[in-house]
Structure formats: structure tokens, C-alpha cells
mmCIF file of all heavy atoms, coordinates in Angstrom:
data_MODEL
# 
_entry.id   MODEL 
# 
loop_
_atom_site.group_PDB 
_atom_site.id 
_atom_site.type_symbol 
_atom_site.label_atom_id 
_atom_site.label_alt_id 
_atom_site.label_comp_id 
_atom_site.label_asym_id 
_atom_site.label_entity_id 
_atom_site.label_seq_id 
_atom_site.pdbx_PDB_ins_code 
_atom_site.Cartn_x 
_atom_site.Cartn_y 
_atom_site.Cartn_z 
_atom_site.occupancy 
_atom_site.B_iso_or_equiv 
_atom_site.pdbx_formal_charge 
_atom_site.auth_seq_id 
_atom_site.auth_comp_id 
_atom_site.auth_asym_id 
_atom_site.auth_atom_id 
_atom_site.pdbx_PDB_model_num 
ATOM 1   N N   . GLY A 1 1  ? 0.857   -2.867  -11.686 1.00 0.00 ? 1  GLY A N   1 
ATOM 2   C CA  . GLY A 1 1  ? 2.204   -3.382  -11.452 1.00 0.00 ? 1  GLY A CA  1 
ATOM 3   C C   . GLY A 1 1  ? 2.868   -3.813  -12.733 1.00 0.00 ? 1  GLY A C   1 
ATOM 4   O O   . GLY A 1 1  ? 2.850   -3.099  -13.739 1.00 0.00 ? 1  GLY A O   1 
ATOM 5   N N   . ALA A 1 2  ? 3.436   -4.994  -12.708 1.00 0.00 ? 2  ALA A N   1 
ATOM 6   C CA  . ALA A 1 2  ? 4.242   -5.473  -13.825 1.00 0.00 ? 2  ALA A CA  1 
ATOM 7   C C   . ALA A 1 2  ? 3.433   -5.531  -15.113 1.00 0.00 ? 2  ALA A C   1 
ATOM 8   O O   . ALA A 1 2  ? 2.265   -5.889  -15.117 1.00 0.00 ? 2  ALA A O   1 
ATOM 9   C CB  . ALA A 1 2  ? 4.800   -6.852  -13.495 1.00 0.00 ? 2  ALA A CB  1 
ATOM 10  N N   . SER A 1 3  ? 4.060   -5.156  -16.210 1.00 0.00 ? 3  SER A N   1 
ATOM 11  C CA  . SER A 1 3  ? 3.402   -5.191  -17.514 1.00 0.00 ? 3  SER A CA  1 
ATOM 12  C C   . SER A 1 3  ? 3.964   -6.306  -18.389 1.00 0.00 ? 3  SER A C   1 
ATOM 13  O O   . SER A 1 3  ? 3.695   -6.351  -19.585 1.00 0.00 ? 3  SER A O   1 
ATOM 14  C CB  . SER A 1 3  ? 3.580   -3.840  -18.222 1.00 0.00 ? 3  SER A CB  1 
ATOM 15  O OG  . SER A 1 3  ? 4.964   -3.546  -18.370 1.00 0.00 ? 3  SER A OG  1 
ATOM 16  N N   . ASP A 1 4  ? 4.736   -7.197  -17.806 1.00 0.00 ? 4  ASP A N   1 
ATOM 17  C CA  . ASP A 1 4  ? 5.388   -8.242  -18.597 1.00 0.00 ? 4  ASP A CA  1 
ATOM 18  C C   . ASP A 1 4  ? 4.771   -9.611  -18.360 1.00 0.00 ? 4  ASP A C   1 
ATOM 19  O O   . ASP A 1 4  ? 5.395   -10.637 -18.568 1.00 0.00 ? 4  ASP A O   1 
ATOM 20  C CB  . ASP A 1 4  ? 6.874   -8.292  -18.262 1.00 0.00 ? 4  ASP A CB  1 
ATOM 21  C CG  . ASP A 1 4  ? 7.121   -8.564  -16.774 1.00 0.00 ? 4  ASP A CG  1 
ATOM 22  O OD1 . ASP A 1 4  ? 6.139   -8.660  -16.022 1.00 0.00 ? 4  ASP A OD1 1 
ATOM 23  O OD2 . ASP A 1 4  ? 8.301   -8.672  -16.379 1.00 0.00 ? 4  ASP A OD2 1 
ATOM 24  N N   . GLY A 1 5  ? 3.541   -9.619  -17.929 1.00 0.00 ? 5  GLY A N   1 
ATOM 25  C CA  . GLY A 1 5  ? 2.877   -10.897 -17.673 1.00 0.00 ? 5  GLY A CA  1 
ATOM 26  C C   . GLY A 1 5  ? 2.828   -11.251 -16.208 1.00 0.00 ? 5  GLY A C   1 
ATOM 27  O O   . GLY A 1 5  ? 2.152   -12.203 -15.826 1.00 0.00 ? 5  GLY A O   1 
ATOM 28  N N   . ARG A 1 6  ? 3.524   -10.503 -15.347 1.00 0.00 ? 6  ARG A N   1 
ATOM 29  C CA  . ARG A 1 6  ? 3.546   -10.809 -13.918 1.00 0.00 ? 6  ARG A CA  1 
ATOM 30  C C   . ARG A 1 6  ? 2.476   -10.051 -13.139 1.00 0.00 ? 6  ARG A C   1 
ATOM 31  O O   . ARG A 1 6  ? 2.394   -10.165 -11.919 1.00 0.00 ? 6  ARG A O   1 
ATOM 32  C CB  . ARG A 1 6  ? 4.926   -10.508 -13.343 1.00 0.00 ? 6  ARG A CB  1 
ATOM 33  C CG  . ARG A 1 6  ? 6.005   -11.452 -13.857 1.00 0.00 ? 6  ARG A CG  1 
ATOM 34  C CD  . ARG A 1 6  ? 7.366   -11.189 -13.232 1.00 0.00 ? 6  ARG A CD  1 
ATOM 35  N NE  . ARG A 1 6  ? 7.940   -9.939  -13.721 1.00 0.00 ? 6  ARG A NE  1 
ATOM 36  C CZ  . ARG A 1 6  ? 8.190   -8.886  -12.979 1.00 0.00 ? 6  ARG A CZ  1 
ATOM 37  N NH1 . ARG A 1 6  ? 7.902   -8.906  -11.687 1.00 0.00 ? 6  ARG A NH1 1 
ATOM 38  N NH2 . ARG A 1 6  ? 8.725   -7.803  -13.497 1.00 0.00 ? 6  ARG A NH2 1 
ATOM 39  N N   . ALA A 1 7  ? 1.677   -9.257  -13.845 1.00 0.00 ? 7  ALA A N   1 
ATOM 40  C CA  . ALA A 1 7  ? 0.607   -8.507  -13.166 1.00 0.00 ? 7  ALA A CA  1 
ATOM 41  C C   . ALA A 1 7  ? -0.378  -9.476  -12.532 1.00 0.00 ? 7  ALA A C   1 
ATOM 42  O O   . ALA A 1 7  ? -0.758  -10.478 -13.141 1.00 0.00 ? 7  ALA A O   1 
ATOM 43  C CB  . ALA A 1 7  ? -0.112  -7.612  -14.162 1.00 0.00 ? 7  ALA A CB  1 
ATOM 44  N N   . PRO A 1 8  ? -0.814  -9.201  -11.306 1.00 0.00 ? 8  PRO A N   1 
ATOM 45  C CA  . PRO A 1 8  ? -1.781  -10.086 -10.652 1.00 0.00 ? 8  PRO A CA  1 
ATOM 46  C C   . PRO A 1 8  ? -3.118  -10.069 -11.381 1.00 0.00 ? 8  PRO A C   1 
ATOM 47  O O   . PRO A 1 8  ? -3.592  -9.020  -11.808 1.00 0.00 ? 8  PRO A O   1 
ATOM 48  C CB  . PRO A 1 8  ? -1.898  -9.506  -9.239  1.00 0.00 ? 8  PRO A CB  1 
ATOM 49  C CG  . PRO A 1 8  ? -1.459  -8.080  -9.365  1.00 0.00 ? 8  PRO A CG  1 
ATOM 50  C CD  . PRO A 1 8  ? -0.440  -8.053  -10.458 1.00 0.00 ? 8  PRO A CD  1 
ATOM 51  N N   . LEU A 1 9  ? -3.697  -11.238 -11.519 1.00 0.00 ? 9  LEU A N   1 
ATOM 52  C CA  . LEU A 1 9  ? -4.971  -11.395 -12.216 1.00 0.00 ? 9  LEU A CA  1 
ATOM 53  C C   . LEU A 1 9  ? -5.948  -12.113 -11.302 1.00 0.00 ? 9  LEU A C   1 
ATOM 54  O O   . LEU A 1 9  ? -5.686  -13.213 -10.834 1.00 0.00 ? 9  LEU A O   1 
ATOM 55  C CB  . LEU A 1 9  ? -4.772  -12.198 -13.506 1.00 0.00 ? 9  LEU A CB  1 
ATOM 56  C CG  . LEU A 1 9  ? -6.027  -12.577 -14.300 1.00 0.00 ? 9  LEU A CG  1 
ATOM 57  C CD1 . LEU A 1 9  ? -6.800  -11.336 -14.746 1.00 0.00 ? 9  LEU A CD1 1 
ATOM 58  C CD2 . LEU A 1 9  ? -5.648  -13.421 -15.512 1.00 0.00 ? 9  LEU A CD2 1 
ATOM 59  N N   . ARG A 1 10 ? -7.077  -11.472 -11.041 1.00 0.00 ? 10 ARG A N   1 
ATOM 60  C CA  . ARG A 1 10 ? -8.133  -12.050 -10.211 1.00 0.00 ? 10 ARG A CA  1 
ATOM 61  C C   . ARG A 1 10 ? -9.290  -12.472 -11.104 1.00 0.00 ? 10 ARG A C   1 
ATOM 62  O O   . ARG A 1 10 ? -9.738  -11.698 -11.953 1.00 0.00 ? 10 ARG A O   1 
ATOM 63  C CB  . ARG A 1 10 ? -8.621  -11.012 -9.191  1.00 0.00 ? 10 ARG A CB  1 
ATOM 64  C CG  . ARG A 1 10 ? -9.778  -11.469 -8.308  1.00 0.00 ? 10 ARG A CG  1 
ATOM 65  C CD  . ARG A 1 10 ? -10.357 -10.287 -7.561  1.00 0.00 ? 10 ARG A CD  1 
ATOM 66  N NE  . ARG A 1 10 ? -11.455 -10.636 -6.682  1.00 0.00 ? 10 ARG A NE  1 
ATOM 67  C CZ  . ARG A 1 10 ? -12.404 -9.788  -6.300  1.00 0.00 ? 10 ARG A CZ  1 
ATOM 68  N NH1 . ARG A 1 10 ? -12.384 -8.538  -6.724  1.00 0.00 ? 10 ARG A NH1 1 
ATOM 69  N NH2 . ARG A 1 10 ? -13.370 -10.163 -5.496  1.00 0.00 ? 10 ARG A NH2 1 
ATOM 70  N N   . LEU A 1 11 ? -9.745  -13.702 -10.919 1.00 0.00 ? 11 LEU A N   1 
ATOM 71  C CA  . LEU A 1 11 ? -10.851 -14.211 -11.721 1.00 0.00 ? 11 LEU A CA  1 
ATOM 72  C C   . LEU A 1 11 ? -11.963 -14.691 -10.812 1.00 0.00 ? 11 LEU A C   1 
ATOM 73  O O   . LEU A 1 11 ? -11.746 -15.497 -9.909  1.00 0.00 ? 11 LEU A O   1 
ATOM 74  C CB  . LEU A 1 11 ? -10.386 -15.373 -12.609 1.00 0.00 ? 11 LEU A CB  1 
ATOM 75  C CG  . LEU A 1 11 ? -11.464 -16.007 -13.495 1.00 0.00 ? 11 LEU A CG  1 
ATOM 76  C CD1 . LEU A 1 11 ? -11.982 -15.008 -14.519 1.00 0.00 ? 11 LEU A CD1 1 
ATOM 77  C CD2 . LEU A 1 11 ? -10.921 -17.254 -14.194 1.00 0.00 ? 11 LEU A CD2 1 
ATOM 78  N N   . ARG A 1 12 ? -13.163 -14.160 -11.043 1.00 0.00 ? 12 ARG A N   1 
ATOM 79  C CA  . ARG A 1 12 ? -14.351 -14.617 -10.330 1.00 0.00 ? 12 ARG A CA  1 
ATOM 80  C C   . ARG A 1 12 ? -15.251 -15.366 -11.301 1.00 0.00 ? 12 ARG A C   1 
ATOM 81  O O   . ARG A 1 12 ? -15.384 -14.958 -12.459 1.00 0.00 ? 12 ARG A O   1 
ATOM 82  C CB  . ARG A 1 12 ? -15.111 -13.431 -9.730  1.00 0.00 ? 12 ARG A CB  1 
ATOM 83  C CG  . ARG A 1 12 ? -14.408 -12.825 -8.523  1.00 0.00 ? 12 ARG A CG  1 
ATOM 84  C CD  . ARG A 1 12 ? -15.154 -11.620 -8.002  1.00 0.00 ? 12 ARG A CD  1 
ATOM 85  N NE  . ARG A 1 12 ? -14.938 -10.458 -8.845  1.00 0.00 ? 12 ARG A NE  1 
ATOM 86  C CZ  . ARG A 1 12 ? -15.755 -9.414  -8.899  1.00 0.00 ? 12 ARG A CZ  1 
ATOM 87  N NH1 . ARG A 1 12 ? -16.877 -9.412  -8.187  1.00 0.00 ? 12 ARG A NH1 1 
ATOM 88  N NH2 . ARG A 1 12 ? -15.485 -8.393  -9.663  1.00 0.00 ? 12 ARG A NH2 1 
ATOM 89  N N   . GLY A 1 13 ? -15.861 -16.444 -10.836 1.00 0.00 ? 13 GLY A N   1 
ATOM 90  C CA  . GLY A 1 13 ? -16.719 -17.236 -11.701 1.00 0.00 ? 13 GLY A CA  1 
ATOM 91  C C   . GLY A 1 13 ? -18.009 -17.625 -11.020 1.00 0.00 ? 13 GLY A C   1 
ATOM 92  O O   . GLY A 1 13 ? -18.093 -17.684 -9.787  1.00 0.00 ? 13 GLY A O   1 
ATOM 93  N N   . LEU A 1 14 ? -19.020 -17.893 -11.832 1.00 0.00 ? 14 LEU A N   1 
ATOM 94  C CA  . LEU A 1 14 ? -20.341 -18.258 -11.342 1.00 0.00 ? 14 LEU A CA  1 
ATOM 95  C C   . LEU A 1 14 ? -20.958 -19.304 -12.262 1.00 0.00 ? 14 LEU A C   1 
ATOM 96  O O   . LEU A 1 14 ? -20.837 -19.216 -13.480 1.00 0.00 ? 14 LEU A O   1 
ATOM 97  C CB  . LEU A 1 14 ? -21.234 -17.014 -11.298 1.00 0.00 ? 14 LEU A CB  1 
ATOM 98  C CG  . LEU A 1 14 ? -22.731 -17.150 -11.014 1.00 0.00 ? 14 LEU A CG  1 
ATOM 99  C CD1 . LEU A 1 14 ? -23.242 -15.881 -10.330 1.00 0.00 ? 14 LEU A CD1 1 
ATOM 100 C CD2 . LEU A 1 14 ? -23.543 -17.378 -12.290 1.00 0.00 ? 14 LEU A CD2 1 
ATOM 101 N N   . VAL A 1 15 ? -21.601 -20.286 -11.646 1.00 0.00 ? 15 VAL A N   1 
ATOM 102 C CA  . VAL A 1 15 ? -22.433 -21.248 -12.374 1.00 0.00 ? 15 VAL A CA  1 
ATOM 103 C C   . VAL A 1 15 ? -23.722 -21.390 -11.582 1.00 0.00 ? 15 VAL A C   1 
ATOM 104 O O   . VAL A 1 15 ? -23.690 -21.523 -10.349 1.00 0.00 ? 15 VAL A O   1 
ATOM 105 C CB  . VAL A 1 15 ? -21.751 -22.630 -12.503 1.00 0.00 ? 15 VAL A CB  1 
ATOM 106 C CG1 . VAL A 1 15 ? -22.669 -23.614 -13.226 1.00 0.00 ? 15 VAL A CG1 1 
ATOM 107 C CG2 . VAL A 1 15 ? -20.425 -22.513 -13.245 1.00 0.00 ? 15 VAL A CG2 1 
ATOM 108 N N   . GLY A 1 16 ? -24.874 -21.334 -12.263 1.00 0.00 ? 16 GLY A N   1 
ATOM 109 C CA  . GLY A 1 16 ? -26.127 -21.405 -11.528 1.00 0.00 ? 16 GLY A CA  1 
ATOM 110 C C   . GLY A 1 16 ? -27.240 -22.024 -12.328 1.00 0.00 ? 16 GLY A C   1 
ATOM 111 O O   . GLY A 1 16 ? -27.082 -22.332 -13.519 1.00 0.00 ? 16 GLY A O   1 
ATOM 112 N N   . GLU A 1 17 ? -28.360 -22.212 -11.673 1.00 0.00 ? 17 GLU A N   1 
ATOM 113 C CA  . GLU A 1 17 ? -29.574 -22.658 -12.344 1.00 0.00 ? 17 GLU A CA  1 
ATOM 114 C C   . GLU A 1 17 ? -30.686 -21.687 -11.980 1.00 0.00 ? 17 GLU A C   1 
ATOM 115 O O   . GLU A 1 17 ? -30.757 -21.195 -10.850 1.00 0.00 ? 17 GLU A O   1 
ATOM 116 C CB  . GLU A 1 17 ? -29.945 -24.090 -11.946 1.00 0.00 ? 17 GLU A CB  1 
ATOM 117 C CG  . GLU A 1 17 ? -30.152 -24.326 -10.461 1.00 0.00 ? 17 GLU A CG  1 
ATOM 118 C CD  . GLU A 1 17 ? -30.477 -25.775 -10.142 1.00 0.00 ? 17 GLU A CD  1 
ATOM 119 O OE1 . GLU A 1 17 ? -30.900 -26.498 -11.056 1.00 0.00 ? 17 GLU A OE1 1 
ATOM 120 O OE2 . GLU A 1 17 ? -30.310 -26.171 -8.975  1.00 0.00 ? 17 GLU A OE2 1 
ATOM 121 N N   . VAL A 1 18 ? -31.545 -21.395 -12.956 1.00 0.00 ? 18 VAL A N   1 
ATOM 122 C CA  . VAL A 1 18 ? -32.588 -20.393 -12.768 1.00 0.00 ? 18 VAL A CA  1 
ATOM 123 C C   . VAL A 1 18 ? -33.519 -20.810 -11.628 1.00 0.00 ? 18 VAL A C   1 
ATOM 124 O O   . VAL A 1 18 ? -34.092 -21.902 -11.636 1.00 0.00 ? 18 VAL A O   1 
ATOM 125 C CB  . VAL A 1 18 ? -33.390 -20.189 -14.066 1.00 0.00 ? 18 VAL A CB  1 
ATOM 126 C CG1 . VAL A 1 18 ? -34.522 -19.198 -13.833 1.00 0.00 ? 18 VAL A CG1 1 
ATOM 127 C CG2 . VAL A 1 18 ? -32.478 -19.707 -15.187 1.00 0.00 ? 18 VAL A CG2 1 
ATOM 128 N N   . GLY A 1 19 ? -33.617 -19.924 -10.632 1.00 0.00 ? 19 GLY A N   1 
ATOM 129 C CA  . GLY A 1 19 ? -34.470 -20.196 -9.482  1.00 0.00 ? 19 GLY A CA  1 
ATOM 130 C C   . GLY A 1 19 ? -33.893 -21.211 -8.523  1.00 0.00 ? 19 GLY A C   1 
ATOM 131 O O   . GLY A 1 19 ? -34.576 -21.643 -7.581  1.00 0.00 ? 19 GLY A O   1 
ATOM 132 N N   . GLY A 1 20 ? -32.648 -21.611 -8.731  1.00 0.00 ? 20 GLY A N   1 
ATOM 133 C CA  . GLY A 1 20 ? -32.056 -22.651 -7.893  1.00 0.00 ? 20 GLY A CA  1 
ATOM 134 C C   . GLY A 1 20 ? -30.683 -22.273 -7.367  1.00 0.00 ? 20 GLY A C   1 
ATOM 135 O O   . GLY A 1 20 ? -30.427 -21.109 -7.047  1.00 0.00 ? 20 GLY A O   1 
ATOM 136 N N   . ARG A 1 21 ? -29.818 -23.260 -7.321  1.00 0.00 ? 21 ARG A N   1 
ATOM 137 C CA  . ARG A 1 21 ? -28.512 -23.095 -6.681  1.00 0.00 ? 21 ARG A CA  1 
ATOM 138 C C   . ARG A 1 21 ? -27.559 -22.259 -7.530  1.00 0.00 ? 21 ARG A C   1 
ATOM 139 O O   . ARG A 1 21 ? -27.582 -22.317 -8.750  1.00 0.00 ? 21 ARG A O   1 
ATOM 140 C CB  . ARG A 1 21 ? -27.915 -24.493 -6.457  1.00 0.00 ? 21 ARG A CB  1 
ATOM 141 C CG  . ARG A 1 21 ? -26.738 -24.540 -5.487  1.00 0.00 ? 21 ARG A CG  1 
ATOM 142 C CD  . ARG A 1 21 ? -26.552 -25.953 -4.932  1.00 0.00 ? 21 ARG A CD  1 
ATOM 143 N NE  . ARG A 1 21 ? -26.451 -26.945 -5.969  1.00 0.00 ? 21 ARG A NE  1 
ATOM 144 C CZ  . ARG A 1 21 ? -25.395 -27.751 -6.153  1.00 0.00 ? 21 ARG A CZ  1 
ATOM 145 N NH1 . ARG A 1 21 ? -24.367 -27.667 -5.333  1.00 0.00 ? 21 ARG A NH1 1 
ATOM 146 N NH2 . ARG A 1 21 ? -25.375 -28.642 -7.112  1.00 0.00 ? 21 ARG A NH2 1 
ATOM 147 N N   . ILE A 1 22 ? -26.720 -21.488 -6.875  1.00 0.00 ? 22 ILE A N   1 
ATOM 148 C CA  . ILE A 1 22 ? -25.681 -20.701 -7.535  1.00 0.00 ? 22 ILE A CA  1 
ATOM 149 C C   . ILE A 1 22 ? -24.348 -21.024 -6.872  1.00 0.00 ? 22 ILE A C   1 
ATOM 150 O O   . ILE A 1 22 ? -24.230 -20.982 -5.645  1.00 0.00 ? 22 ILE A O   1 
ATOM 151 C CB  . ILE A 1 22 ? -25.944 -19.188 -7.420  1.00 0.00 ? 22 ILE A CB  1 
ATOM 152 C CG1 . ILE A 1 22 ? -27.275 -18.826 -8.067  1.00 0.00 ? 22 ILE A CG1 1 
ATOM 153 C CG2 . ILE A 1 22 ? -24.819 -18.407 -8.086  1.00 0.00 ? 22 ILE A CG2 1 
ATOM 154 C CD1 . ILE A 1 22 ? -27.631 -17.354 -7.936  1.00 0.00 ? 22 ILE A CD1 1 
ATOM 155 N N   . LEU A 1 23 ? -23.367 -21.360 -7.679  1.00 0.00 ? 23 LEU A N   1 
ATOM 156 C CA  . LEU A 1 23 ? -22.013 -21.616 -7.196  1.00 0.00 ? 23 LEU A CA  1 
ATOM 157 C C   . LEU A 1 23 ? -21.129 -20.451 -7.597  1.00 0.00 ? 23 LEU A C   1 
ATOM 158 O O   . LEU A 1 23 ? -21.135 -20.026 -8.753  1.00 0.00 ? 23 LEU A O   1 
ATOM 159 C CB  . LEU A 1 23 ? -21.467 -22.918 -7.791  1.00 0.00 ? 23 LEU A CB  1 
ATOM 160 C CG  . LEU A 1 23 ? -22.247 -24.203 -7.496  1.00 0.00 ? 23 LEU A CG  1 
ATOM 161 C CD1 . LEU A 1 23 ? -21.643 -25.366 -8.268  1.00 0.00 ? 23 LEU A CD1 1 
ATOM 162 C CD2 . LEU A 1 23 ? -22.254 -24.493 -6.001  1.00 0.00 ? 23 LEU A CD2 1 
ATOM 163 N N   . ARG A 1 24 ? -20.366 -19.947 -6.646  1.00 0.00 ? 24 ARG A N   1 
ATOM 164 C CA  . ARG A 1 24 ? -19.448 -18.840 -6.911  1.00 0.00 ? 24 ARG A CA  1 
ATOM 165 C C   . ARG A 1 24 ? -18.080 -19.167 -6.336  1.00 0.00 ? 24 ARG A C   1 
ATOM 166 O O   . ARG A 1 24 ? -17.973 -19.825 -5.297  1.00 0.00 ? 24 ARG A O   1 
ATOM 167 C CB  . ARG A 1 24 ? -19.936 -17.543 -6.260  1.00 0.00 ? 24 ARG A CB  1 
ATOM 168 C CG  . ARG A 1 24 ? -21.323 -17.083 -6.665  1.00 0.00 ? 24 ARG A CG  1 
ATOM 169 C CD  . ARG A 1 24 ? -21.727 -15.874 -5.845  1.00 0.00 ? 24 ARG A CD  1 
ATOM 170 N NE  . ARG A 1 24 ? -23.108 -15.485 -6.031  1.00 0.00 ? 24 ARG A NE  1 
ATOM 171 C CZ  . ARG A 1 24 ? -23.526 -14.566 -6.898  1.00 0.00 ? 24 ARG A CZ  1 
ATOM 172 N NH1 . ARG A 1 24 ? -22.631 -13.930 -7.650  1.00 0.00 ? 24 ARG A NH1 1 
ATOM 173 N NH2 . ARG A 1 24 ? -24.801 -14.268 -7.007  1.00 0.00 ? 24 ARG A NH2 1 
ATOM 174 N N   . ALA A 1 25 ? -17.045 -18.678 -6.995  1.00 0.00 ? 25 ALA A N   1 
ATOM 175 C CA  . ALA A 1 25 ? -15.688 -18.849 -6.476  1.00 0.00 ? 25 ALA A CA  1 
ATOM 176 C C   . ALA A 1 25 ? -14.775 -17.825 -7.141  1.00 0.00 ? 25 ALA A C   1 
ATOM 177 O O   . ALA A 1 25 ? -15.134 -17.226 -8.162  1.00 0.00 ? 25 ALA A O   1 
ATOM 178 C CB  . ALA A 1 25 ? -15.179 -20.269 -6.735  1.00 0.00 ? 25 ALA A CB  1 
# 
């Protein structure tokens, strides 16, 4: 879509601990 900064941007993130809990959003 827009090339002037209005293009939609999707960001996925993760924080976790080895062998333990993982948070995603």
C-alpha cells in the first residue's frame, strides 16, 4: 500500500526463558 509512511506495519515479539515460560504478542 502506501509508501509514504502509512503502510501497515505488523510487529510480533517474544520473551522467554530456556525450558520455561514464553510470552508472545
